[in-house]
Amino acid sequence: MTDVAKAKAESAVLVAERWILAALRNHTFFSLAELNRCIAEKLIDLNTRKFQKLDATRKILFESIDKPALIPLPSTPYEYAEWKKARVNIDYHVEVDRHYYSVPYQLVREQVDVRLTTTTVEILFKNKRVAGHQRIYRQGGFTTLPQHMPKSHQRYLQWSPSRIVRWAEKNGPNTKKLLTAVLQSKTHPEQGFRSCLGIMRLAKSYSPDRLEAACSRALLIKGYSFKSVESILKKNLDQQPLLFDEVDQDNIDKCIPHSNLRGKGYYH
């Protein structure tokens, strides 16, 4: 507010105090409704009183100048919002209260502004709105829009982690374990879809049995990637005996009977 506008506003307050409050200072009121009724009457008198230097009243000036310039009130009430800054992660999501919202993948590692209301999350980059989401209060979840994903990720929208695991289970238990490990190793499960589908396609080039054997070896060396499984198959390592096997710890005494092997039950 400028100094001139501030002075005019303060002058208007002074006029109201003189012609309304001062005029009623000696009156006694027995209810708030009675007081408001008297104030309303005095306000009408004030607005219809002519100015000292103008041949007009406040009511005439309001109806001729101010009223035509008024615009309708907003259709929705004012909504309180909070602002924060966030850095876009490599999975093209930003974190808000431990929930993750997507932005266009081109903004990876950029700093953005986040506007939060009780119902929405808006993300701005260089004062331009780049993403909008419904606010979700579930911690640890992801809200991802398809148009924010790289094209290499969009191709796998019809897939889900559970569908991939079910497909892997048909090939064998080790294949299922490996693909589950691949998905769990990613911050965002969709980032593992490409590797999982590539691993499953290796069954066509080699065979389902060889893929199952390769997955078994990959699990032992923690090679949770397409390249690891492909390398095992290319070098025929899946057909070589393992140097060490997984041992069922619950039956270790049965598998390798020896007086020095006590098993985990000994420590209970």
C-alpha atoms as a PDB file:
ATOM      1  CA  MET A   1       0.000   0.000   0.000  1.00  0.00           C
ATOM      2  CA  THR A   2       1.366   3.444  -0.959  1.00  0.00           C
ATOM      3  CA  ASP A   3       1.624   6.283   1.528  1.00  0.00           C
ATOM      4  CA  VAL A   4      -1.221   8.142  -0.222  1.00  0.00           C
ATOM      5  CA  ALA A   5      -3.541   5.133  -0.110  1.00  0.00           C
ATOM      6  CA  LYS A   6      -2.605   4.461   3.505  1.00  0.00           C
ATOM      7  CA  ALA A   7      -3.402   8.064   4.448  1.00  0.00           C
ATOM      8  CA  LYS A   8      -6.801   7.855   2.735  1.00  0.00           C
ATOM      9  CA  ALA A   9      -7.632   4.610   4.528  1.00  0.00           C
ATOM     10  CA  GLU A  10      -6.686   6.052   7.897  1.00  0.00           C
ATOM     11  CA  SER A  11      -8.743   9.180   7.140  1.00  0.00           C
ATOM     12  CA  ALA A  12     -11.791   7.020   6.356  1.00  0.00           C
ATOM     13  CA  VAL A  13     -11.384   5.232   9.710  1.00  0.00           C
ATOM     14  CA  LEU A  14     -11.252   8.587  11.468  1.00  0.00           C
ATOM     15  CA  VAL A  15     -14.462   9.737   9.733  1.00  0.00           C
ATOM     16  CA  ALA A  16     -16.255   6.527  10.795  1.00  0.00           C
ATOM     17  CA  GLU A  17     -15.110   6.988  14.397  1.00  0.00           C
ATOM     18  CA  ARG A  18     -16.381  10.591  14.457  1.00  0.00           C
ATOM     19  CA  TRP A  19     -19.767  10.084  12.770  1.00  0.00           C
ATOM     20  CA  ILE A  20     -20.639   6.618  14.094  1.00  0.00           C
ATOM     21  CA  LEU A  21     -18.736   5.663  17.263  1.00  0.00           C
ATOM     22  CA  ALA A  22     -18.610   9.150  18.744  1.00  0.00           C
ATOM     23  CA  ALA A  23     -22.296   9.701  17.969  1.00  0.00           C
ATOM     24  CA  LEU A  24     -23.222   6.554  19.907  1.00  0.00           C
ATOM     25  CA  ARG A  25     -20.783   6.936  22.797  1.00  0.00           C
ATOM     26  CA  ASN A  26     -23.423   8.006  25.313  1.00  0.00           C
ATOM     27  CA  HIS A  27     -25.978   5.336  24.318  1.00  0.00           C
ATOM     28  CA  THR A  28     -26.512   2.153  26.333  1.00  0.00           C
ATOM     29  CA  PHE A  29     -27.213  -1.060  24.436  1.00  0.00           C
ATOM     30  CA  PHE A  30     -28.617  -4.281  25.864  1.00  0.00           C
ATOM     31  CA  SER A  31     -27.810  -6.613  22.967  1.00  0.00           C
ATOM     32  CA  LEU A  32     -25.371  -6.940  20.113  1.00  0.00           C
ATOM     33  CA  ALA A  33     -28.233  -6.929  17.603  1.00  0.00           C
ATOM     34  CA  GLU A  34     -29.431  -3.555  18.947  1.00  0.00           C
ATOM     35  CA  LEU A  35     -25.911  -2.112  18.638  1.00  0.00           C
ATOM     36  CA  ASN A  36     -25.496  -3.379  15.053  1.00  0.00           C
ATOM     37  CA  ARG A  37     -28.881  -1.921  14.080  1.00  0.00           C
ATOM     38  CA  CYS A  38     -27.870   1.543  15.316  1.00  0.00           C
ATOM     39  CA  ILE A  39     -24.476   1.344  13.607  1.00  0.00           C
ATOM     40  CA  ALA A  40     -26.196   0.423  10.320  1.00  0.00           C
ATOM     41  CA  GLU A  41     -28.461   3.473  10.605  1.00  0.00           C
ATOM     42  CA  LYS A  42     -25.523   5.782  11.284  1.00  0.00           C
ATOM     43  CA  LEU A  43     -23.637   4.238   8.336  1.00  0.00           C
ATOM     44  CA  ILE A  44     -26.507   5.114   5.992  1.00  0.00           C
ATOM     45  CA  ASP A  45     -26.436   8.694   7.285  1.00  0.00           C
ATOM     46  CA  LEU A  46     -22.666   8.897   6.715  1.00  0.00           C
ATOM     47  CA  ASN A  47     -22.790   7.502   3.153  1.00  0.00           C
ATOM     48  CA  THR A  48     -25.629   9.807   2.103  1.00  0.00           C
ATOM     49  CA  ARG A  49     -24.036  12.945   3.634  1.00  0.00           C
ATOM     50  CA  LYS A  50     -22.549  15.319   1.040  1.00  0.00           C
ATOM     51  CA  PHE A  51     -18.847  16.076   1.046  1.00  0.00           C
ATOM     52  CA  GLN A  52     -17.784  19.558   2.118  1.00  0.00           C
ATOM     53  CA  LYS A  53     -15.979  20.277  -1.166  1.00  0.00           C
ATOM     54  CA  LEU A  54     -17.858  17.981  -3.575  1.00  0.00           C
ATOM     55  CA  ASP A  55     -21.434  18.019  -4.742  1.00  0.00           C
ATOM     56  CA  ALA A  56     -21.755  14.278  -4.176  1.00  0.00           C
ATOM     57  CA  THR A  57     -22.049  11.659  -1.465  1.00  0.00           C
ATOM     58  CA  ARG A  58     -20.033   8.524  -0.714  1.00  0.00           C
ATOM     59  CA  LYS A  59     -22.936   6.391  -1.953  1.00  0.00           C
ATOM     60  CA  ILE A  60     -23.102   8.257  -5.303  1.00  0.00           C
ATOM     61  CA  LEU A  61     -19.347   7.958  -5.872  1.00  0.00           C
ATOM     62  CA  PHE A  62     -19.352   4.266  -4.951  1.00  0.00           C
ATOM     63  CA  GLU A  63     -22.185   3.420  -7.358  1.00  0.00           C
ATOM     64  CA  SER A  64     -20.710   5.470 -10.224  1.00  0.00           C
ATOM     65  CA  ILE A  65     -16.988   4.666  -9.861  1.00  0.00           C
ATOM     66  CA  ASP A  66     -16.251   1.699  -7.591  1.00  0.00           C
ATOM     67  CA  LYS A  67     -19.200  -0.629  -8.165  1.00  0.00           C
ATOM     68  CA  PRO A  68     -18.758  -0.920 -11.983  1.00  0.00           C
ATOM     69  CA  ALA A  69     -15.091  -1.892 -11.446  1.00  0.00           C
ATOM     70  CA  LEU A  70     -15.832  -4.698  -8.979  1.00  0.00           C
ATOM     71  CA  ILE A  71     -15.264  -8.287 -10.123  1.00  0.00           C
ATOM     72  CA  PRO A  72     -16.962 -11.446  -8.803  1.00  0.00           C
ATOM     73  CA  LEU A  73     -15.476 -13.211  -5.814  1.00  0.00           C
ATOM     74  CA  PRO A  74     -13.436 -16.372  -6.562  1.00  0.00           C
ATOM     75  CA  SER A  75     -15.593 -19.457  -7.087  1.00  0.00           C
ATOM     76  CA  THR A  76     -13.480 -21.376  -4.560  1.00  0.00           C
ATOM     77  CA  PRO A  77     -12.414 -20.183  -1.124  1.00  0.00           C
ATOM     78  CA  TYR A  78      -8.813 -19.256  -0.383  1.00  0.00           C
ATOM     79  CA  GLU A  79      -6.692 -22.294   0.368  1.00  0.00           C
ATOM     80  CA  TYR A  80      -3.629 -22.112   2.572  1.00  0.00           C
ATOM     81  CA  ALA A  81      -0.423 -23.393   0.951  1.00  0.00           C
ATOM     82  CA  GLU A  82       3.114 -24.147   2.078  1.00  0.00           C
ATOM     83  CA  TRP A  83       6.243 -23.899  -0.059  1.00  0.00           C
ATOM     84  CA  LYS A  84       9.435 -25.929   0.065  1.00  0.00           C
ATOM     85  CA  LYS A  85      12.426 -26.610  -2.152  1.00  0.00           C
ATOM     86  CA  ALA A  86      13.329 -30.121  -3.287  1.00  0.00           C
ATOM     87  CA  ARG A  87      15.975 -31.819  -5.401  1.00  0.00           C
ATOM     88  CA  VAL A  88      14.776 -34.195  -8.151  1.00  0.00           C
ATOM     89  CA  ASN A  89      16.194 -37.662  -7.546  1.00  0.00           C
ATOM     90  CA  ILE A  90      17.674 -39.887 -10.259  1.00  0.00           C
ATOM     91  CA  ASP A  91      14.343 -41.744 -10.403  1.00  0.00           C
ATOM     92  CA  TYR A  92      12.675 -38.411 -11.459  1.00  0.00           C
ATOM     93  CA  HIS A  93      10.694 -38.143  -8.217  1.00  0.00           C
ATOM     94  CA  VAL A  94      10.722 -35.566  -5.411  1.00  0.00           C
ATOM     95  CA  GLU A  95      10.081 -36.424  -1.772  1.00  0.00           C
ATOM     96  CA  VAL A  96       7.291 -34.751   0.182  1.00  0.00           C
ATOM     97  CA  ASP A  97       6.614 -36.065   3.694  1.00  0.00           C
ATOM     98  CA  ARG A  98       8.148 -39.426   2.718  1.00  0.00           C
ATOM     99  CA  HIS A  99       5.922 -39.838  -0.336  1.00  0.00           C
ATOM    100  CA  TYR A 100       7.419 -39.548  -3.812  1.00  0.00           C
ATOM    101  CA  TYR A 101       5.905 -37.592  -6.708  1.00  0.00           C
ATOM    102  CA  SER A 102       7.084 -37.704 -10.314  1.00  0.00           C
ATOM    103  CA  VAL A 103       8.275 -34.800 -12.456  1.00  0.00           C
ATOM    104  CA  PRO A 104       9.432 -34.826 -16.101  1.00  0.00           C
ATOM    105  CA  TYR A 105      12.547 -37.037 -16.187  1.00  0.00           C
ATOM    106  CA  GLN A 106      14.535 -34.245 -17.896  1.00  0.00           C
ATOM    107  CA  LEU A 107      14.623 -32.443 -14.523  1.00  0.00           C
ATOM    108  CA  VAL A 108      16.737 -35.100 -12.787  1.00  0.00           C
ATOM    109  CA  ARG A 109      19.061 -33.483 -10.190  1.00  0.00           C
ATOM    110  CA  GLU A 110      17.453 -30.043 -10.673  1.00  0.00           C
ATOM    111  CA  GLN A 111      16.140 -28.018  -7.735  1.00  0.00           C
ATOM    112  CA  VAL A 112      12.405 -27.306  -7.884  1.00  0.00           C
ATOM    113  CA  ASP A 113       9.811 -25.448  -5.823  1.00  0.00           C
ATOM    114  CA  VAL A 114       6.972 -27.460  -4.315  1.00  0.00           C
ATOM    115  CA  ARG A 115       3.615 -25.900  -3.377  1.00  0.00           C
ATOM    116  CA  LEU A 116       1.637 -27.944  -0.862  1.00  0.00           C
ATOM    117  CA  THR A 117      -2.013 -27.678   0.072  1.00  0.00           C
ATOM    118  CA  THR A 118      -4.138 -30.163   1.978  1.00  0.00           C
ATOM    119  CA  THR A 119      -5.241 -31.796  -1.290  1.00  0.00           C
ATOM    120  CA  THR A 120      -2.636 -31.046  -3.976  1.00  0.00           C
ATOM    121  CA  VAL A 121       1.093 -31.044  -4.689  1.00  0.00           C
ATOM    122  CA  GLU A 122       2.303 -28.641  -7.382  1.00  0.00           C
ATOM    123  CA  ILE A 123       5.895 -28.646  -8.600  1.00  0.00           C
ATOM    124  CA  LEU A 124       7.453 -25.621 -10.318  1.00  0.00           C
ATOM    125  CA  PHE A 125      10.761 -25.213 -12.113  1.00  0.00           C
ATOM    126  CA  LYS A 126      11.971 -21.670 -12.772  1.00  0.00           C
ATOM    127  CA  ASN A 127       8.496 -20.381 -11.810  1.00  0.00           C
ATOM    128  CA  LYS A 128       6.805 -22.630 -14.373  1.00  0.00           C
ATOM    129  CA  ARG A 129       4.420 -25.383 -13.272  1.00  0.00           C
ATOM    130  CA  VAL A 130       5.799 -28.724 -14.464  1.00  0.00           C
ATOM    131  CA  ALA A 131       3.740 -31.229 -12.455  1.00  0.00           C
ATOM    132  CA  GLY A 132       0.606 -31.491 -10.358  1.00  0.00           C
ATOM    133  CA  HIS A 133      -0.555 -34.399  -8.198  1.00  0.00           C
ATOM    134  CA  GLN A 134      -3.221 -35.231  -5.688  1.00  0.00           C
ATOM    135  CA  ARG A 135      -1.560 -35.170  -2.289  1.00  0.00           C
ATOM    136  CA  ILE A 136      -1.112 -38.625  -0.789  1.00  0.00           C
ATOM    137  CA  TYR A 137      -0.330 -39.041   2.897  1.00  0.00           C
ATOM    138  CA  ARG A 138       0.847 -42.664   2.650  1.00  0.00           C
ATOM    139  CA  GLN A 139       4.549 -42.779   3.494  1.00  0.00           C
ATOM    140  CA  GLY A 140       6.907 -44.763   1.294  1.00  0.00           C
ATOM    141  CA  GLY A 141       4.615 -44.770  -1.756  1.00  0.00           C
ATOM    142  CA  PHE A 142       5.113 -43.429  -5.284  1.00  0.00           C
ATOM    143  CA  THR A 143       2.783 -41.308  -7.412  1.00  0.00           C
ATOM    144  CA  THR A 144       3.992 -41.464 -11.022  1.00  0.00           C
ATOM    145  CA  LEU A 145       2.479 -39.980 -14.187  1.00  0.00           C
ATOM    146  CA  PRO A 146       3.246 -41.900 -17.397  1.00  0.00           C
ATOM    147  CA  GLN A 147       4.170 -38.741 -19.329  1.00  0.00           C
ATOM    148  CA  HIS A 148       6.965 -38.049 -16.841  1.00  0.00           C
ATOM    149  CA  MET A 149       8.695 -41.352 -17.539  1.00  0.00           C
ATOM    150  CA  PRO A 150      11.454 -41.913 -20.124  1.00  0.00           C
ATOM    151  CA  LYS A 151      10.201 -43.803 -23.171  1.00  0.00           C
ATOM    152  CA  SER A 152      12.289 -46.795 -22.117  1.00  0.00           C
ATOM    153  CA  HIS A 153      10.171 -46.972 -18.928  1.00  0.00           C
ATOM    154  CA  GLN A 154       6.837 -46.249 -20.623  1.00  0.00           C
ATOM    155  CA  ARG A 155       7.074 -49.490 -22.599  1.00  0.00           C
ATOM    156  CA  TYR A 156       6.631 -51.447 -19.393  1.00  0.00           C
ATOM    157  CA  LEU A 157       3.513 -49.716 -18.051  1.00  0.00           C
ATOM    158  CA  GLN A 158       1.430 -52.843 -18.643  1.00  0.00           C
ATOM    159  CA  TRP A 159       3.701 -54.741 -16.281  1.00  0.00           C
ATOM    160  CA  SER A 160       3.692 -54.817 -12.493  1.00  0.00           C
ATOM    161  CA  PRO A 161       6.132 -56.364  -9.991  1.00  0.00           C
ATOM    162  CA  SER A 162       3.656 -59.103  -9.061  1.00  0.00           C
ATOM    163  CA  ARG A 163       3.073 -59.997 -12.719  1.00  0.00           C
ATOM    164  CA  ILE A 164       6.807 -60.279 -13.393  1.00  0.00           C
ATOM    165  CA  VAL A 165       7.344 -62.476 -10.315  1.00  0.00           C
ATOM    166  CA  ARG A 166       4.459 -64.781 -11.340  1.00  0.00           C
ATOM    167  CA  TRP A 167       5.981 -65.162 -14.812  1.00  0.00           C
ATOM    168  CA  ALA A 168       9.397 -65.917 -13.331  1.00  0.00           C
ATOM    169  CA  GLU A 169       7.899 -68.540 -11.022  1.00  0.00           C
ATOM    170  CA  LYS A 170       6.726 -70.517 -14.044  1.00  0.00           C
ATOM    171  CA  ASN A 171      10.357 -70.882 -15.130  1.00  0.00           C
ATOM    172  CA  GLY A 172      11.579 -72.038 -11.716  1.00  0.00           C
ATOM    173  CA  PRO A 173      12.073 -71.084  -8.052  1.00  0.00           C
ATOM    174  CA  ASN A 174      15.565 -69.656  -8.576  1.00  0.00           C
ATOM    175  CA  THR A 175      14.328 -67.472 -11.434  1.00  0.00           C
ATOM    176  CA  LYS A 176      11.606 -66.155  -9.150  1.00  0.00           C
ATOM    177  CA  LYS A 177      14.102 -65.430  -6.358  1.00  0.00           C
ATOM    178  CA  LEU A 178      16.483 -63.619  -8.690  1.00  0.00           C
ATOM    179  CA  LEU A 179      13.849 -61.365 -10.284  1.00  0.00           C
ATOM    180  CA  THR A 180      12.414 -60.561  -6.862  1.00  0.00           C
ATOM    181  CA  ALA A 181      15.926 -59.540  -5.749  1.00  0.00           C
ATOM    182  CA  VAL A 182      16.339 -57.357  -8.866  1.00  0.00           C
ATOM    183  CA  LEU A 183      13.092 -55.495  -8.130  1.00  0.00           C
ATOM    184  CA  GLN A 184      13.911 -55.064  -4.452  1.00  0.00           C
ATOM    185  CA  SER A 185      17.357 -53.665  -5.254  1.00  0.00           C
ATOM    186  CA  LYS A 186      15.828 -50.653  -7.014  1.00  0.00           C
ATOM    187  CA  THR A 187      14.618 -47.478  -5.306  1.00  0.00           C
ATOM    188  CA  HIS A 188      11.639 -47.502  -7.678  1.00  0.00           C
ATOM    189  CA  PRO A 189      10.501 -51.015  -8.793  1.00  0.00           C
ATOM    190  CA  GLU A 190       9.770 -49.877 -12.361  1.00  0.00           C
ATOM    191  CA  GLN A 191      13.491 -49.242 -12.804  1.00  0.00           C
ATOM    192  CA  GLY A 192      14.044 -53.008 -12.588  1.00  0.00           C
ATOM    193  CA  PHE A 193      11.429 -53.993 -15.177  1.00  0.00           C
ATOM    194  CA  ARG A 194      13.822 -53.710 -18.092  1.00  0.00           C
ATOM    195  CA  SER A 195      16.395 -56.037 -16.493  1.00  0.00           C
ATOM    196  CA  CYS A 196      13.722 -58.550 -15.444  1.00  0.00           C
ATOM    197  CA  LEU A 197      12.130 -58.785 -18.882  1.00  0.00           C
ATOM    198  CA  GLY A 198      15.579 -59.090 -20.468  1.00  0.00           C
ATOM    199  CA  ILE A 199      16.434 -61.976 -18.149  1.00  0.00           C
ATOM    200  CA  MET A 200      13.197 -63.784 -18.999  1.00  0.00           C
ATOM    201  CA  ARG A 201      13.854 -63.383 -22.729  1.00  0.00           C
ATOM    202  CA  LEU A 202      17.121 -65.299 -22.304  1.00  0.00           C
ATOM    203  CA  ALA A 203      15.030 -68.476 -22.012  1.00  0.00           C
ATOM    204  CA  LYS A 204      14.276 -68.178 -25.753  1.00  0.00           C
ATOM    205  CA  SER A 205      17.934 -67.903 -26.748  1.00  0.00           C
ATOM    206  CA  TYR A 206      19.091 -70.698 -24.455  1.00  0.00           C
ATOM    207  CA  SER A 207      16.412 -72.729 -22.634  1.00  0.00           C
ATOM    208  CA  PRO A 208      14.224 -72.456 -19.532  1.00  0.00           C
ATOM    209  CA  ASP A 209      16.368 -75.076 -17.752  1.00  0.00           C
ATOM    210  CA  ARG A 210      19.610 -73.258 -18.487  1.00  0.00           C
ATOM    211  CA  LEU A 211      18.075 -69.951 -17.388  1.00  0.00           C
ATOM    212  CA  GLU A 212      17.010 -71.534 -14.096  1.00  0.00           C
ATOM    213  CA  ALA A 213      20.551 -72.843 -13.553  1.00  0.00           C
ATOM    214  CA  ALA A 214      22.045 -69.466 -14.443  1.00  0.00           C
ATOM    215  CA  CYS A 215      19.728 -67.719 -11.990  1.00  0.00           C
ATOM    216  CA  SER A 216      20.833 -70.152  -9.279  1.00  0.00           C
ATOM    217  CA  ARG A 217      24.483 -69.203  -9.839  1.00  0.00           C
ATOM    218  CA  ALA A 218      23.602 -65.479 -10.077  1.00  0.00           C
ATOM    219  CA  LEU A 219      21.893 -65.675  -6.684  1.00  0.00           C
ATOM    220  CA  LEU A 220      25.030 -67.139  -5.098  1.00  0.00           C
ATOM    221  CA  ILE A 221      27.245 -64.344  -6.427  1.00  0.00           C
ATOM    222  CA  LYS A 222      24.531 -61.691  -5.909  1.00  0.00           C
ATOM    223  CA  GLY A 223      24.570 -60.831  -9.587  1.00  0.00           C
ATOM    224  CA  TYR A 224      21.193 -59.104  -9.609  1.00  0.00           C
ATOM    225  CA  SER A 225      21.290 -57.847 -13.212  1.00  0.00           C
ATOM    226  CA  PHE A 226      20.617 -58.857 -16.794  1.00  0.00           C
ATOM    227  CA  LYS A 227      24.329 -58.631 -17.677  1.00  0.00           C
ATOM    228  CA  SER A 228      25.312 -61.054 -14.917  1.00  0.00           C
ATOM    229  CA  VAL A 229      22.844 -63.730 -16.049  1.00  0.00           C
ATOM    230  CA  GLU A 230      23.705 -63.199 -19.710  1.00  0.00           C
ATOM    231  CA  SER A 231      27.431 -63.527 -18.947  1.00  0.00           C
ATOM    232  CA  ILE A 232      26.862 -66.799 -17.072  1.00  0.00           C
ATOM    233  CA  LEU A 233      24.975 -68.244 -20.041  1.00  0.00           C
ATOM    234  CA  LYS A 234      27.429 -66.999 -22.673  1.00  0.00           C
ATOM    235  CA  LYS A 235      30.363 -68.553 -20.823  1.00  0.00           C
ATOM    236  CA  ASN A 236      28.393 -71.753 -20.147  1.00  0.00           C
ATOM    237  CA  LEU A 237      28.988 -71.350 -16.425  1.00  0.00           C
ATOM    238  CA  ASP A 238      25.452 -72.563 -15.771  1.00  0.00           C
ATOM    239  CA  GLN A 239      26.619 -76.013 -16.941  1.00  0.00           C
ATOM    240  CA  GLN A 240      29.639 -76.067 -14.625  1.00  0.00           C
ATOM    241  CA  PRO A 241      29.462 -77.457 -11.080  1.00  0.00           C
ATOM    242  CA  LEU A 242      29.139 -74.882  -8.335  1.00  0.00           C
ATOM    243  CA  LEU A 243      32.110 -74.447  -6.022  1.00  0.00           C
ATOM    244  CA  PHE A 244      29.713 -74.064  -3.096  1.00  0.00           C
ATOM    245  CA  ASP A 245      26.018 -74.643  -2.618  1.00  0.00           C
ATOM    246  CA  GLU A 246      23.399 -73.061  -0.455  1.00  0.00           C
ATOM    247  CA  VAL A 247      22.847 -75.211   2.608  1.00  0.00           C
ATOM    248  CA  ASP A 248      19.555 -75.464   4.439  1.00  0.00           C
ATOM    249  CA  GLN A 249      20.590 -74.230   7.865  1.00  0.00           C
ATOM    250  CA  ASP A 250      17.590 -75.893   9.525  1.00  0.00           C
ATOM    251  CA  ASN A 251      18.827 -79.321   8.349  1.00  0.00           C
ATOM    252  CA  ILE A 252      22.560 -78.749   8.433  1.00  0.00           C
ATOM    253  CA  ASP A 253      23.146 -81.664  10.853  1.00  0.00           C
ATOM    254  CA  LYS A 254      21.262 -83.978   8.486  1.00  0.00           C
ATOM    255  CA  CYS A 255      23.089 -82.769   5.392  1.00  0.00           C
ATOM    256  CA  ILE A 256      26.621 -82.871   6.824  1.00  0.00           C
ATOM    257  CA  PRO A 257      26.750 -84.997   9.957  1.00  0.00           C
ATOM    258  CA  HIS A 258      29.757 -84.009  12.052  1.00  0.00           C
ATOM    259  CA  SER A 259      30.314 -83.575  15.790  1.00  0.00           C
ATOM    260  CA  ASN A 260      31.724 -80.077  15.296  1.00  0.00           C
ATOM    261  CA  LEU A 261      28.660 -78.784  13.383  1.00  0.00           C
ATOM    262  CA  ARG A 262      26.060 -77.896  15.966  1.00  0.00           C
ATOM    263  CA  GLY A 263      23.527 -75.878  13.940  1.00  0.00           C
ATOM    264  CA  LYS A 264      21.644 -72.756  15.000  1.00  0.00           C
ATOM    265  CA  GLY A 265      19.447 -74.737  17.402  1.00  0.00           C
ATOM    266  CA  TYR A 266      22.428 -75.116  19.715  1.00  0.00           C
ATOM    267  CA  TYR A 267      22.273 -71.395  20.542  1.00  0.00           C
ATOM    268  CA  HIS A 268      18.578 -71.242  21.461  1.00  0.00           C
END
